[in-house]
Amino acid sequence: MGRAIVRDPQVFLFDEPLSNLDAKLRVAMRTEIKELHQRLKTTSIYVTHDQIEAMTMADKIVVMRDGIVEQTGSPLELYDHPVNQFVAGFIGSPAMNFLPGIVKGEHVELEGGAKLPMPTNARARDGQKVVYGTRPEHIELAAGNEGIATEVVVVEPTGADTQVFTKIAGVEVTSVFRERHDFKPGASIRLKPDPVRAHLFDASTSMRLAA
């Protein structure tokens, strides 16, 4: 990289330059490369399979699958408004949860009869097969009889937050809590996705169903 920079090129092409570094050095080098880009202002094309690198370093991300461009936009555009289920699952860590269901009125009914409120910014016809998408950080603990009853499978404390793995309608669901909770495997808790930040995808095409 140093030899390339001193030649003062018009464009840099980086092909996974950090893939062989350990985790701590990768984080440090991400910052170094971004600082260099801000100082040199040289157009840089950066190829990576690491969505964290893409999110933290890019001004614009091009998400590709099998040589086809799925979506182009800023990191937060892709995070907030993924065009399809593939982009939604690729951007964000931990990955978005996907729950298959059927639209019934103002709810999405999951297998087993559990119901989730329709995402605020989604539209679908009654009886349509869909996939309900919610990010782990957009799920909160529900009080009383609100939300959906789930059983805790695994708890992973990371320090700053806690990842809790549960099962809803037979699908493993990840939740992230900033608060400290003393959850134990086997415990029953109720979870409630935020409908304002949830997404709905067509089950047959995987495209996002926007209002």
N, C-alpha and C. Protein backbone atom coordinates (compact mmCIF):
# COMPACT_ATOMS: atom_id res chain seq x y z
N MET A 1 0.82 -1.20 0.00
CA MET A 1 0.00 0.00 0.00
C MET A 1 0.85 1.25 0.00
N GLY A 2 1.95 1.20 0.78
CA GLY A 2 2.85 2.35 0.83
C GLY A 2 3.49 2.62 -0.52
N ARG A 3 3.91 1.55 -1.21
CA ARG A 3 4.53 1.73 -2.54
C ARG A 3 3.53 2.30 -3.54
N ALA A 4 2.26 1.91 -3.39
CA ALA A 4 1.24 2.44 -4.30
C ALA A 4 0.97 3.91 -4.03
N ILE A 5 0.94 4.30 -2.76
CA ILE A 5 0.61 5.68 -2.39
C ILE A 5 1.66 6.66 -2.91
N VAL A 6 2.95 6.32 -2.80
CA VAL A 6 4.00 7.26 -3.19
C VAL A 6 4.03 7.50 -4.70
N ARG A 7 3.37 6.64 -5.49
CA ARG A 7 3.30 6.85 -6.94
C ARG A 7 2.21 7.84 -7.33
N ASP A 8 1.43 8.28 -6.33
CA ASP A 8 0.39 9.29 -6.53
C ASP A 8 -0.57 8.92 -7.67
N PRO A 9 -1.23 7.76 -7.60
CA PRO A 9 -2.14 7.36 -8.68
C PRO A 9 -3.46 8.12 -8.60
N GLN A 10 -4.27 8.01 -9.65
CA GLN A 10 -5.57 8.67 -9.66
C GLN A 10 -6.63 7.82 -8.96
N VAL A 11 -6.42 6.50 -8.94
CA VAL A 11 -7.38 5.59 -8.32
C VAL A 11 -6.62 4.50 -7.58
N PHE A 12 -7.10 4.15 -6.37
CA PHE A 12 -6.57 3.00 -5.63
C PHE A 12 -7.58 1.85 -5.76
N LEU A 13 -7.08 0.64 -5.95
CA LEU A 13 -7.91 -0.55 -5.92
C LEU A 13 -7.37 -1.46 -4.83
N PHE A 14 -8.14 -1.60 -3.76
CA PHE A 14 -7.76 -2.44 -2.63
C PHE A 14 -8.57 -3.74 -2.69
N ASP A 15 -7.90 -4.87 -2.74
CA ASP A 15 -8.58 -6.16 -2.78
C ASP A 15 -8.33 -6.88 -1.46
N GLU A 16 -9.24 -6.69 -0.50
CA GLU A 16 -9.16 -7.29 0.83
C GLU A 16 -7.76 -7.17 1.44
N PRO A 17 -7.25 -5.94 1.59
CA PRO A 17 -5.87 -5.77 2.09
C PRO A 17 -5.68 -6.15 3.56
N LEU A 18 -6.77 -6.24 4.32
CA LEU A 18 -6.64 -6.51 5.75
C LEU A 18 -6.97 -7.95 6.13
N SER A 19 -7.20 -8.80 5.15
CA SER A 19 -7.71 -10.14 5.43
C SER A 19 -6.75 -11.00 6.25
N ASN A 20 -5.45 -10.74 6.19
CA ASN A 20 -4.48 -11.58 6.91
C ASN A 20 -4.05 -11.00 8.25
N LEU A 21 -4.70 -9.91 8.69
CA LEU A 21 -4.32 -9.28 9.95
C LEU A 21 -5.20 -9.81 11.08
N ASP A 22 -4.67 -9.73 12.31
CA ASP A 22 -5.49 -10.13 13.46
C ASP A 22 -6.54 -9.05 13.73
N ALA A 23 -7.52 -9.38 14.57
CA ALA A 23 -8.68 -8.51 14.76
C ALA A 23 -8.31 -7.11 15.23
N LYS A 24 -7.39 -7.00 16.18
CA LYS A 24 -7.03 -5.69 16.73
C LYS A 24 -6.35 -4.83 15.68
N LEU A 25 -5.45 -5.44 14.90
CA LEU A 25 -4.73 -4.69 13.88
C LEU A 25 -5.65 -4.28 12.73
N ARG A 26 -6.64 -5.12 12.43
CA ARG A 26 -7.62 -4.78 11.39
C ARG A 26 -8.34 -3.48 11.74
N VAL A 27 -8.75 -3.37 13.01
CA VAL A 27 -9.46 -2.17 13.45
C VAL A 27 -8.56 -0.94 13.32
N ALA A 28 -7.30 -1.08 13.73
CA ALA A 28 -6.36 0.04 13.66
C ALA A 28 -6.11 0.44 12.21
N MET A 29 -5.95 -0.54 11.33
CA MET A 29 -5.67 -0.25 9.93
C MET A 29 -6.88 0.35 9.20
N ARG A 30 -8.09 -0.03 9.62
CA ARG A 30 -9.29 0.60 9.05
C ARG A 30 -9.23 2.10 9.25
N THR A 31 -8.86 2.51 10.47
CA THR A 31 -8.77 3.93 10.78
C THR A 31 -7.66 4.60 9.98
N GLU A 32 -6.51 3.91 9.87
CA GLU A 32 -5.37 4.46 9.13
C GLU A 32 -5.74 4.71 7.66
N ILE A 33 -6.38 3.71 7.05
CA ILE A 33 -6.73 3.83 5.63
C ILE A 33 -7.75 4.94 5.43
N LYS A 34 -8.71 5.06 6.34
CA LYS A 34 -9.72 6.12 6.20
C LYS A 34 -9.08 7.50 6.37
N GLU A 35 -8.15 7.62 7.30
CA GLU A 35 -7.44 8.89 7.49
C GLU A 35 -6.63 9.25 6.24
N LEU A 36 -5.97 8.24 5.65
CA LEU A 36 -5.21 8.48 4.42
C LEU A 36 -6.13 8.94 3.29
N HIS A 37 -7.28 8.32 3.17
CA HIS A 37 -8.23 8.69 2.12
C HIS A 37 -8.71 10.13 2.31
N GLN A 38 -8.98 10.51 3.55
CA GLN A 38 -9.44 11.87 3.82
C GLN A 38 -8.36 12.90 3.51
N ARG A 39 -7.08 12.51 3.70
CA ARG A 39 -5.99 13.44 3.44
C ARG A 39 -5.62 13.50 1.96
N LEU A 40 -5.56 12.34 1.30
CA LEU A 40 -5.14 12.29 -0.10
C LEU A 40 -6.28 12.61 -1.06
N LYS A 41 -7.53 12.31 -0.63
CA LYS A 41 -8.73 12.54 -1.45
C LYS A 41 -8.65 11.84 -2.81
N THR A 42 -8.00 10.67 -2.82
CA THR A 42 -7.89 9.88 -4.04
C THR A 42 -9.04 8.87 -4.08
N THR A 43 -9.68 8.73 -5.24
CA THR A 43 -10.76 7.76 -5.39
C THR A 43 -10.23 6.36 -5.05
N SER A 44 -10.96 5.66 -4.19
CA SER A 44 -10.51 4.33 -3.77
C SER A 44 -11.65 3.34 -3.92
N ILE A 45 -11.36 2.21 -4.57
CA ILE A 45 -12.31 1.11 -4.68
C ILE A 45 -11.80 0.00 -3.78
N TYR A 46 -12.63 -0.38 -2.81
CA TYR A 46 -12.20 -1.31 -1.77
C TYR A 46 -13.10 -2.54 -1.82
N VAL A 47 -12.49 -3.69 -2.11
CA VAL A 47 -13.25 -4.95 -2.20
C VAL A 47 -13.12 -5.69 -0.87
N THR A 48 -14.26 -6.08 -0.29
CA THR A 48 -14.23 -6.79 0.98
C THR A 48 -15.48 -7.65 1.15
N HIS A 49 -15.33 -8.76 1.88
CA HIS A 49 -16.48 -9.56 2.28
C HIS A 49 -16.90 -9.22 3.70
N ASP A 50 -16.13 -8.34 4.36
CA ASP A 50 -16.41 -7.96 5.74
C ASP A 50 -17.30 -6.72 5.74
N GLN A 51 -18.59 -6.92 6.12
CA GLN A 51 -19.52 -5.81 6.05
C GLN A 51 -19.18 -4.71 7.07
N ILE A 52 -18.48 -5.05 8.16
CA ILE A 52 -18.07 -4.02 9.11
C ILE A 52 -17.06 -3.08 8.46
N GLU A 53 -16.12 -3.64 7.69
CA GLU A 53 -15.17 -2.79 6.95
C GLU A 53 -15.92 -1.89 5.98
N ALA A 54 -16.88 -2.46 5.28
CA ALA A 54 -17.64 -1.68 4.30
C ALA A 54 -18.39 -0.55 4.99
N MET A 55 -19.06 -0.85 6.10
CA MET A 55 -19.86 0.16 6.80
C MET A 55 -19.00 1.28 7.37
N THR A 56 -17.86 0.93 7.95
CA THR A 56 -17.06 1.93 8.65
C THR A 56 -16.17 2.75 7.72
N MET A 57 -15.82 2.22 6.56
CA MET A 57 -14.86 2.89 5.70
C MET A 57 -15.45 3.58 4.48
N ALA A 58 -16.61 3.13 4.03
CA ALA A 58 -17.10 3.58 2.72
C ALA A 58 -17.92 4.87 2.80
N ASP A 59 -17.83 5.66 1.72
CA ASP A 59 -18.77 6.75 1.49
C ASP A 59 -19.97 6.19 0.73
N LYS A 60 -19.71 5.22 -0.14
CA LYS A 60 -20.75 4.56 -0.91
C LYS A 60 -20.42 3.08 -0.99
N ILE A 61 -21.43 2.24 -0.79
CA ILE A 61 -21.26 0.79 -0.84
C ILE A 61 -22.01 0.24 -2.05
N VAL A 62 -21.37 -0.69 -2.75
CA VAL A 62 -22.02 -1.43 -3.83
C VAL A 62 -22.08 -2.89 -3.38
N VAL A 63 -23.28 -3.38 -3.07
CA VAL A 63 -23.46 -4.76 -2.64
C VAL A 63 -23.71 -5.62 -3.87
N MET A 64 -22.86 -6.65 -4.07
CA MET A 64 -22.96 -7.51 -5.24
C MET A 64 -23.20 -8.95 -4.83
N ARG A 65 -23.94 -9.68 -5.68
CA ARG A 65 -24.14 -11.11 -5.49
C ARG A 65 -24.10 -11.79 -6.84
N ASP A 66 -23.20 -12.76 -6.98
CA ASP A 66 -23.04 -13.49 -8.24
C ASP A 66 -22.79 -12.55 -9.41
N GLY A 67 -22.00 -11.49 -9.16
CA GLY A 67 -21.65 -10.55 -10.22
C GLY A 67 -22.72 -9.53 -10.56
N ILE A 68 -23.82 -9.53 -9.82
CA ILE A 68 -24.92 -8.59 -10.07
C ILE A 68 -25.02 -7.60 -8.92
N VAL A 69 -25.15 -6.31 -9.26
CA VAL A 69 -25.30 -5.27 -8.24
C VAL A 69 -26.71 -5.34 -7.65
N GLU A 70 -26.78 -5.58 -6.35
CA GLU A 70 -28.07 -5.65 -5.67
C GLU A 70 -28.55 -4.28 -5.21
N GLN A 71 -27.62 -3.47 -4.69
CA GLN A 71 -27.99 -2.13 -4.22
C GLN A 71 -26.74 -1.27 -4.07
N THR A 72 -26.90 0.01 -4.33
CA THR A 72 -25.83 0.99 -4.17
C THR A 72 -26.33 2.13 -3.29
N GLY A 73 -25.51 2.58 -2.36
CA GLY A 73 -25.91 3.69 -1.51
C GLY A 73 -24.93 3.90 -0.38
N SER A 74 -25.21 4.89 0.46
CA SER A 74 -24.37 5.13 1.62
C SER A 74 -24.58 4.01 2.64
N PRO A 75 -23.64 3.85 3.58
CA PRO A 75 -23.79 2.78 4.58
C PRO A 75 -25.14 2.82 5.31
N LEU A 76 -25.57 4.01 5.73
CA LEU A 76 -26.81 4.10 6.48
C LEU A 76 -28.05 3.94 5.60
N GLU A 77 -27.94 4.30 4.32
CA GLU A 77 -29.04 4.04 3.39
C GLU A 77 -29.29 2.53 3.29
N LEU A 78 -28.23 1.77 3.13
CA LEU A 78 -28.35 0.32 3.01
C LEU A 78 -28.82 -0.31 4.31
N TYR A 79 -28.38 0.25 5.43
CA TYR A 79 -28.78 -0.27 6.74
C TYR A 79 -30.26 0.01 7.01
N ASP A 80 -30.71 1.23 6.71
CA ASP A 80 -32.08 1.63 7.02
C ASP A 80 -33.09 1.21 5.96
N HIS A 81 -32.66 1.14 4.69
CA HIS A 81 -33.60 0.87 3.60
C HIS A 81 -33.04 -0.18 2.63
N PRO A 82 -32.80 -1.41 3.11
CA PRO A 82 -32.31 -2.45 2.20
C PRO A 82 -33.35 -2.76 1.13
N VAL A 83 -32.89 -2.93 -0.11
CA VAL A 83 -33.84 -3.15 -1.20
C VAL A 83 -34.40 -4.57 -1.20
N ASN A 84 -33.66 -5.51 -0.64
CA ASN A 84 -34.14 -6.89 -0.60
C ASN A 84 -33.57 -7.63 0.61
N GLN A 85 -33.96 -8.87 0.76
CA GLN A 85 -33.58 -9.65 1.93
C GLN A 85 -32.09 -9.94 1.96
N PHE A 86 -31.46 -10.09 0.79
CA PHE A 86 -30.02 -10.36 0.75
C PHE A 86 -29.24 -9.19 1.34
N VAL A 87 -29.56 -7.97 0.90
CA VAL A 87 -28.86 -6.79 1.41
C VAL A 87 -29.14 -6.61 2.90
N ALA A 88 -30.38 -6.83 3.30
CA ALA A 88 -30.74 -6.69 4.71
C ALA A 88 -29.95 -7.65 5.59
N GLY A 89 -29.73 -8.87 5.11
CA GLY A 89 -28.99 -9.85 5.87
C GLY A 89 -27.49 -9.63 5.85
N PHE A 90 -27.00 -8.96 4.80
CA PHE A 90 -25.57 -8.73 4.68
C PHE A 90 -25.11 -7.54 5.51
N ILE A 91 -25.91 -6.47 5.53
CA ILE A 91 -25.54 -5.26 6.25
C ILE A 91 -26.07 -5.34 7.68
N GLY A 92 -25.18 -5.10 8.65
CA GLY A 92 -25.57 -5.14 10.05
C GLY A 92 -24.97 -6.33 10.76
N SER A 93 -24.49 -6.10 11.98
CA SER A 93 -23.90 -7.18 12.76
C SER A 93 -24.28 -7.00 14.23
N PRO A 94 -24.92 -8.02 14.84
CA PRO A 94 -25.38 -9.29 14.27
C PRO A 94 -26.39 -9.09 13.16
N ALA A 95 -26.56 -10.12 12.34
CA ALA A 95 -27.41 -10.01 11.16
C ALA A 95 -28.88 -9.85 11.53
N MET A 96 -29.65 -9.31 10.57
CA MET A 96 -31.09 -9.15 10.77
C MET A 96 -31.77 -10.50 10.95
N ASN A 97 -32.78 -10.52 11.81
CA ASN A 97 -33.59 -11.72 12.00
C ASN A 97 -34.69 -11.77 10.94
N PHE A 98 -34.97 -12.97 10.42
CA PHE A 98 -36.01 -13.14 9.41
C PHE A 98 -37.02 -14.18 9.88
N LEU A 99 -38.30 -13.78 9.94
CA LEU A 99 -39.35 -14.66 10.41
C LEU A 99 -40.43 -14.79 9.33
N PRO A 100 -40.60 -15.98 8.75
CA PRO A 100 -41.63 -16.17 7.72
C PRO A 100 -43.03 -16.15 8.32
N GLY A 101 -43.97 -15.57 7.58
CA GLY A 101 -45.33 -15.51 8.07
C GLY A 101 -46.31 -15.14 6.97
N ILE A 102 -47.54 -14.85 7.36
CA ILE A 102 -48.61 -14.48 6.43
C ILE A 102 -49.29 -13.22 6.95
N VAL A 103 -49.57 -12.29 6.04
CA VAL A 103 -50.23 -11.05 6.42
C VAL A 103 -51.70 -11.33 6.72
N LYS A 104 -52.12 -10.89 7.91
CA LYS A 104 -53.54 -11.00 8.29
C LYS A 104 -53.96 -9.69 8.94
N GLY A 105 -54.61 -8.87 8.12
CA GLY A 105 -55.03 -7.56 8.61
C GLY A 105 -53.84 -6.67 8.92
N GLU A 106 -53.78 -6.20 10.16
CA GLU A 106 -52.69 -5.31 10.58
C GLU A 106 -51.55 -6.07 11.26
N HIS A 107 -51.53 -7.40 11.07
CA HIS A 107 -50.50 -8.21 11.72
C HIS A 107 -49.86 -9.18 10.72
N VAL A 108 -48.71 -9.68 11.11
CA VAL A 108 -48.07 -10.78 10.40
C VAL A 108 -48.15 -11.98 11.31
N GLU A 109 -48.85 -13.02 10.87
CA GLU A 109 -49.01 -14.22 11.69
C GLU A 109 -47.90 -15.21 11.37
N LEU A 110 -47.17 -15.60 12.40
CA LEU A 110 -46.08 -16.55 12.24
C LEU A 110 -46.59 -17.97 12.41
N GLU A 111 -45.73 -18.94 12.09
CA GLU A 111 -46.09 -20.34 12.30
C GLU A 111 -46.34 -20.58 13.78
N GLY A 112 -47.43 -21.24 14.08
CA GLY A 112 -47.78 -21.48 15.48
C GLY A 112 -48.79 -20.49 16.00
N GLY A 113 -49.08 -19.42 15.20
CA GLY A 113 -50.13 -18.49 15.58
C GLY A 113 -49.67 -17.19 16.21
N ALA A 114 -48.38 -17.06 16.53
CA ALA A 114 -47.89 -15.80 17.12
C ALA A 114 -48.05 -14.67 16.11
N LYS A 115 -48.38 -13.48 16.60
CA LYS A 115 -48.63 -12.34 15.72
C LYS A 115 -47.69 -11.18 16.03
N LEU A 116 -47.19 -10.55 14.97
CA LEU A 116 -46.37 -9.36 15.08
C LEU A 116 -47.08 -8.21 14.37
N PRO A 117 -46.99 -6.98 14.91
CA PRO A 117 -47.63 -5.85 14.24
C PRO A 117 -46.95 -5.57 12.89
N MET A 118 -47.75 -5.17 11.90
CA MET A 118 -47.19 -4.82 10.60
C MET A 118 -46.15 -3.71 10.74
N PRO A 119 -44.99 -3.84 10.07
CA PRO A 119 -44.04 -2.73 10.08
C PRO A 119 -44.69 -1.45 9.59
N THR A 120 -44.39 -0.36 10.24
CA THR A 120 -45.03 0.93 9.94
C THR A 120 -44.86 1.34 8.49
N ASN A 121 -43.69 1.11 7.92
CA ASN A 121 -43.40 1.58 6.56
C ASN A 121 -43.51 0.47 5.52
N ALA A 122 -44.38 -0.51 5.76
CA ALA A 122 -44.55 -1.62 4.82
C ALA A 122 -46.01 -1.73 4.39
N ARG A 123 -46.20 -2.31 3.21
CA ARG A 123 -47.56 -2.54 2.71
C ARG A 123 -47.59 -3.89 2.02
N ALA A 124 -48.62 -4.69 2.33
CA ALA A 124 -48.78 -6.00 1.70
C ALA A 124 -50.26 -6.36 1.70
N ARG A 125 -50.65 -7.22 0.79
CA ARG A 125 -52.06 -7.61 0.70
C ARG A 125 -52.37 -8.70 1.72
N ASP A 126 -53.60 -8.75 2.12
CA ASP A 126 -54.04 -9.74 3.09
C ASP A 126 -53.85 -11.15 2.53
N GLY A 127 -53.26 -12.03 3.32
CA GLY A 127 -53.01 -13.39 2.89
C GLY A 127 -51.68 -13.59 2.18
N GLN A 128 -50.92 -12.52 1.97
CA GLN A 128 -49.64 -12.62 1.26
C GLN A 128 -48.58 -13.27 2.15
N LYS A 129 -47.79 -14.18 1.58
CA LYS A 129 -46.69 -14.80 2.31
C LYS A 129 -45.51 -13.83 2.33
N VAL A 130 -45.00 -13.57 3.52
CA VAL A 130 -43.95 -12.56 3.68
C VAL A 130 -42.87 -13.07 4.63
N VAL A 131 -41.80 -12.28 4.72
CA VAL A 131 -40.75 -12.52 5.71
C VAL A 131 -40.60 -11.24 6.52
N TYR A 132 -40.78 -11.36 7.82
CA TYR A 132 -40.69 -10.22 8.74
C TYR A 132 -39.23 -10.06 9.16
N GLY A 133 -38.66 -8.89 8.91
CA GLY A 133 -37.25 -8.65 9.25
C GLY A 133 -37.11 -7.64 10.37
N THR A 134 -36.35 -8.00 11.39
CA THR A 134 -36.08 -7.07 12.49
C THR A 134 -34.64 -7.23 12.96
N ARG A 135 -33.97 -6.13 13.15
CA ARG A 135 -32.57 -6.19 13.60
C ARG A 135 -32.50 -6.49 15.10
N PRO A 136 -31.45 -7.20 15.54
CA PRO A 136 -31.32 -7.56 16.95
C PRO A 136 -31.40 -6.36 17.89
N GLU A 137 -30.83 -5.22 17.46
CA GLU A 137 -30.83 -4.03 18.31
C GLU A 137 -32.17 -3.30 18.32
N HIS A 138 -33.12 -3.76 17.49
CA HIS A 138 -34.45 -3.14 17.44
C HIS A 138 -35.50 -4.01 18.12
N ILE A 139 -35.06 -4.93 18.95
CA ILE A 139 -35.97 -5.78 19.72
C ILE A 139 -35.83 -5.40 21.20
N GLU A 140 -36.95 -5.25 21.87
CA GLU A 140 -36.90 -4.90 23.29
C GLU A 140 -37.71 -5.89 24.12
N LEU A 141 -37.44 -5.88 25.42
CA LEU A 141 -38.22 -6.72 26.33
C LEU A 141 -39.62 -6.15 26.45
N ALA A 142 -40.60 -7.03 26.43
CA ALA A 142 -42.00 -6.60 26.53
C ALA A 142 -42.50 -6.81 27.95
N ALA A 143 -43.39 -5.92 28.37
CA ALA A 143 -43.96 -6.03 29.71
C ALA A 143 -45.33 -6.71 29.65
N GLY A 144 -45.70 -7.37 30.73
CA GLY A 144 -47.01 -7.99 30.82
C GLY A 144 -47.23 -9.04 29.75
N ASN A 145 -48.36 -8.91 29.04
CA ASN A 145 -48.71 -9.87 27.98
C ASN A 145 -48.38 -9.35 26.59
N GLU A 146 -47.61 -8.27 26.51
CA GLU A 146 -47.22 -7.74 25.21
C GLU A 146 -46.15 -8.63 24.57
N GLY A 147 -45.93 -8.43 23.28
CA GLY A 147 -44.87 -9.15 22.59
C GLY A 147 -45.16 -10.64 22.44
N ILE A 148 -44.08 -11.39 22.20
CA ILE A 148 -44.17 -12.82 21.96
C ILE A 148 -43.34 -13.57 23.01
N ALA A 149 -43.92 -14.61 23.58
CA ALA A 149 -43.20 -15.42 24.57
C ALA A 149 -42.14 -16.26 23.87
N THR A 150 -40.91 -16.23 24.39
CA THR A 150 -39.81 -17.00 23.82
C THR A 150 -39.01 -17.65 24.94
N GLU A 151 -38.22 -18.64 24.56
CA GLU A 151 -37.36 -19.33 25.53
C GLU A 151 -35.91 -19.01 25.22
N VAL A 152 -35.17 -18.61 26.23
CA VAL A 152 -33.75 -18.28 26.06
C VAL A 152 -32.97 -19.55 25.77
N VAL A 153 -32.14 -19.50 24.72
CA VAL A 153 -31.32 -20.64 24.33
C VAL A 153 -29.87 -20.42 24.77
N VAL A 154 -29.31 -19.28 24.38
CA VAL A 154 -27.91 -18.97 24.70
C VAL A 154 -27.82 -17.48 25.05
N VAL A 155 -26.97 -17.15 26.02
CA VAL A 155 -26.69 -15.75 26.38
C VAL A 155 -25.21 -15.48 26.18
N GLU A 156 -24.87 -14.42 25.44
CA GLU A 156 -23.47 -14.07 25.17
C GLU A 156 -23.20 -12.64 25.61
N PRO A 157 -22.67 -12.44 26.82
CA PRO A 157 -22.29 -11.09 27.24
C PRO A 157 -21.01 -10.64 26.54
N THR A 158 -21.03 -9.43 25.98
CA THR A 158 -19.84 -8.93 25.29
C THR A 158 -19.21 -7.75 26.02
N GLY A 159 -19.78 -7.37 27.16
CA GLY A 159 -19.27 -6.24 27.92
C GLY A 159 -20.17 -5.03 27.75
N ALA A 160 -20.10 -4.40 26.57
CA ALA A 160 -20.93 -3.22 26.32
C ALA A 160 -22.40 -3.59 26.20
N ASP A 161 -22.67 -4.77 25.66
CA ASP A 161 -24.05 -5.22 25.53
C ASP A 161 -24.11 -6.74 25.67
N THR A 162 -25.33 -7.26 25.61
CA THR A 162 -25.54 -8.71 25.76
C THR A 162 -26.36 -9.22 24.59
N GLN A 163 -25.87 -10.28 23.94
CA GLN A 163 -26.61 -10.92 22.85
C GLN A 163 -27.37 -12.11 23.43
N VAL A 164 -28.67 -12.13 23.16
CA VAL A 164 -29.52 -13.20 23.67
C VAL A 164 -30.14 -13.94 22.48
N PHE A 165 -29.95 -15.26 22.45
CA PHE A 165 -30.48 -16.09 21.38
C PHE A 165 -31.71 -16.83 21.90
N THR A 166 -32.84 -16.63 21.20
CA THR A 166 -34.09 -17.29 21.57
C THR A 166 -34.67 -17.94 20.32
N LYS A 167 -35.81 -18.58 20.48
CA LYS A 167 -36.49 -19.16 19.33
C LYS A 167 -37.93 -18.67 19.27
N ILE A 168 -38.32 -18.19 18.08
CA ILE A 168 -39.69 -17.75 17.83
C ILE A 168 -40.20 -18.51 16.61
N ALA A 169 -41.29 -19.22 16.76
CA ALA A 169 -41.89 -20.01 15.67
C ALA A 169 -40.86 -20.94 15.03
N GLY A 170 -39.98 -21.51 15.86
CA GLY A 170 -38.98 -22.44 15.37
C GLY A 170 -37.76 -21.80 14.72
N VAL A 171 -37.71 -20.47 14.71
CA VAL A 171 -36.59 -19.76 14.09
C VAL A 171 -35.74 -19.12 15.18
N GLU A 172 -34.42 -19.28 15.07
CA GLU A 172 -33.53 -18.67 16.06
C GLU A 172 -33.50 -17.16 15.85
N VAL A 173 -33.72 -16.42 16.92
CA VAL A 173 -33.78 -14.96 16.88
C VAL A 173 -32.73 -14.40 17.83
N THR A 174 -31.96 -13.43 17.33
CA THR A 174 -30.93 -12.77 18.13
C THR A 174 -31.44 -11.41 18.58
N SER A 175 -31.26 -11.11 19.86
CA SER A 175 -31.60 -9.80 20.41
C SER A 175 -30.35 -9.22 21.07
N VAL A 176 -30.22 -7.90 21.01
CA VAL A 176 -29.09 -7.22 21.63
C VAL A 176 -29.62 -6.21 22.63
N PHE A 177 -29.15 -6.33 23.88
CA PHE A 177 -29.59 -5.42 24.94
C PHE A 177 -28.40 -4.66 25.50
N ARG A 178 -28.55 -3.35 25.64
CA ARG A 178 -27.49 -2.54 26.25
C ARG A 178 -27.53 -2.68 27.78
N GLU A 179 -28.75 -2.91 28.30
CA GLU A 179 -28.89 -3.05 29.74
C GLU A 179 -28.38 -4.43 30.18
N ARG A 180 -28.02 -4.54 31.45
CA ARG A 180 -27.58 -5.83 32.00
C ARG A 180 -28.80 -6.64 32.42
N HIS A 181 -28.89 -7.87 31.92
CA HIS A 181 -29.98 -8.77 32.30
C HIS A 181 -29.37 -10.11 32.70
N ASP A 182 -29.91 -10.70 33.75
CA ASP A 182 -29.40 -11.98 34.24
C ASP A 182 -30.25 -13.12 33.66
N PHE A 183 -30.23 -13.24 32.32
CA PHE A 183 -31.00 -14.30 31.67
C PHE A 183 -30.26 -15.63 31.80
N LYS A 184 -31.02 -16.71 31.98
CA LYS A 184 -30.46 -18.05 32.04
C LYS A 184 -31.06 -18.89 30.91
N PRO A 185 -30.28 -19.80 30.32
CA PRO A 185 -30.85 -20.69 29.32
C PRO A 185 -32.07 -21.44 29.87
N GLY A 186 -33.13 -21.47 29.08
CA GLY A 186 -34.36 -22.11 29.51
C GLY A 186 -35.38 -21.15 30.08
N ALA A 187 -34.93 -19.92 30.41
CA ALA A 187 -35.86 -18.93 30.97
C ALA A 187 -36.83 -18.44 29.89
N SER A 188 -38.02 -18.06 30.31
CA SER A 188 -39.03 -17.55 29.38
C SER A 188 -39.06 -16.02 29.47
N ILE A 189 -38.94 -15.36 28.32
CA ILE A 189 -39.02 -13.90 28.26
C ILE A 189 -39.94 -13.51 27.10
N ARG A 190 -40.44 -12.29 27.13
CA ARG A 190 -41.30 -11.79 26.06
C ARG A 190 -40.56 -10.70 25.30
N LEU A 191 -40.57 -10.81 23.98
CA LEU A 191 -39.84 -9.87 23.13
C LEU A 191 -40.80 -9.12 22.22
N LYS A 192 -40.43 -7.87 21.91
CA LYS A 192 -41.29 -7.02 21.07
C LYS A 192 -40.44 -6.25 20.07
N PRO A 193 -40.53 -6.59 18.76
CA PRO A 193 -39.80 -5.82 17.75
C PRO A 193 -40.40 -4.43 17.61
N ASP A 194 -39.56 -3.47 17.26
CA ASP A 194 -40.02 -2.10 17.01
C ASP A 194 -40.62 -2.03 15.61
N PRO A 195 -41.93 -1.85 15.45
CA PRO A 195 -42.54 -1.85 14.12
C PRO A 195 -42.10 -0.68 13.25
N VAL A 196 -41.63 0.40 13.86
CA VAL A 196 -41.18 1.56 13.09
C VAL A 196 -39.90 1.23 12.32
N ARG A 197 -39.06 0.35 12.89
CA ARG A 197 -37.78 0.02 12.26
C ARG A 197 -37.72 -1.40 11.72
N ALA A 198 -38.88 -2.08 11.69
CA ALA A 198 -38.94 -3.43 11.12
C ALA A 198 -39.16 -3.35 9.61
N HIS A 199 -38.92 -4.46 8.93
CA HIS A 199 -39.06 -4.52 7.47
C HIS A 199 -39.92 -5.72 7.08
N LEU A 200 -40.48 -5.64 5.88
CA LEU A 200 -41.28 -6.74 5.37
C LEU A 200 -40.80 -7.07 3.96
N PHE A 201 -40.58 -8.36 3.70
CA PHE A 201 -40.08 -8.81 2.41
C PHE A 201 -41.06 -9.81 1.80
N ASP A 202 -41.20 -9.76 0.48
CA ASP A 202 -42.04 -10.73 -0.21
C ASP A 202 -41.36 -12.10 -0.14
N ALA A 203 -42.10 -13.12 0.26
CA ALA A 203 -41.51 -14.45 0.44
C ALA A 203 -41.04 -15.06 -0.87
N SER A 204 -41.67 -14.71 -1.99
CA SER A 204 -41.31 -15.32 -3.26
C SER A 204 -40.20 -14.58 -3.99
N THR A 205 -40.15 -13.26 -3.87
CA THR A 205 -39.13 -12.48 -4.60
C THR A 205 -38.02 -11.97 -3.70
N SER A 206 -38.23 -11.96 -2.39
CA SER A 206 -37.30 -11.44 -1.36
C SER A 206 -37.13 -9.93 -1.44
N MET A 207 -37.95 -9.24 -2.24
CA MET A 207 -37.87 -7.77 -2.33
C MET A 207 -38.60 -7.14 -1.14
N ARG A 208 -38.10 -6.00 -0.69
CA ARG A 208 -38.73 -5.30 0.44
C ARG A 208 -40.05 -4.71 -0.01
N LEU A 209 -41.05 -4.85 0.84
CA LEU A 209 -42.38 -4.32 0.56
C LEU A 209 -42.54 -2.99 1.29
N ALA A 210 -42.27 -1.90 0.58
CA ALA A 210 -42.31 -0.57 1.18
C ALA A 210 -43.68 0.06 0.96
N ALA A 211 -44.09 0.88 1.92
CA ALA A 211 -45.39 1.56 1.84
C ALA A 211 -45.35 2.64 0.75
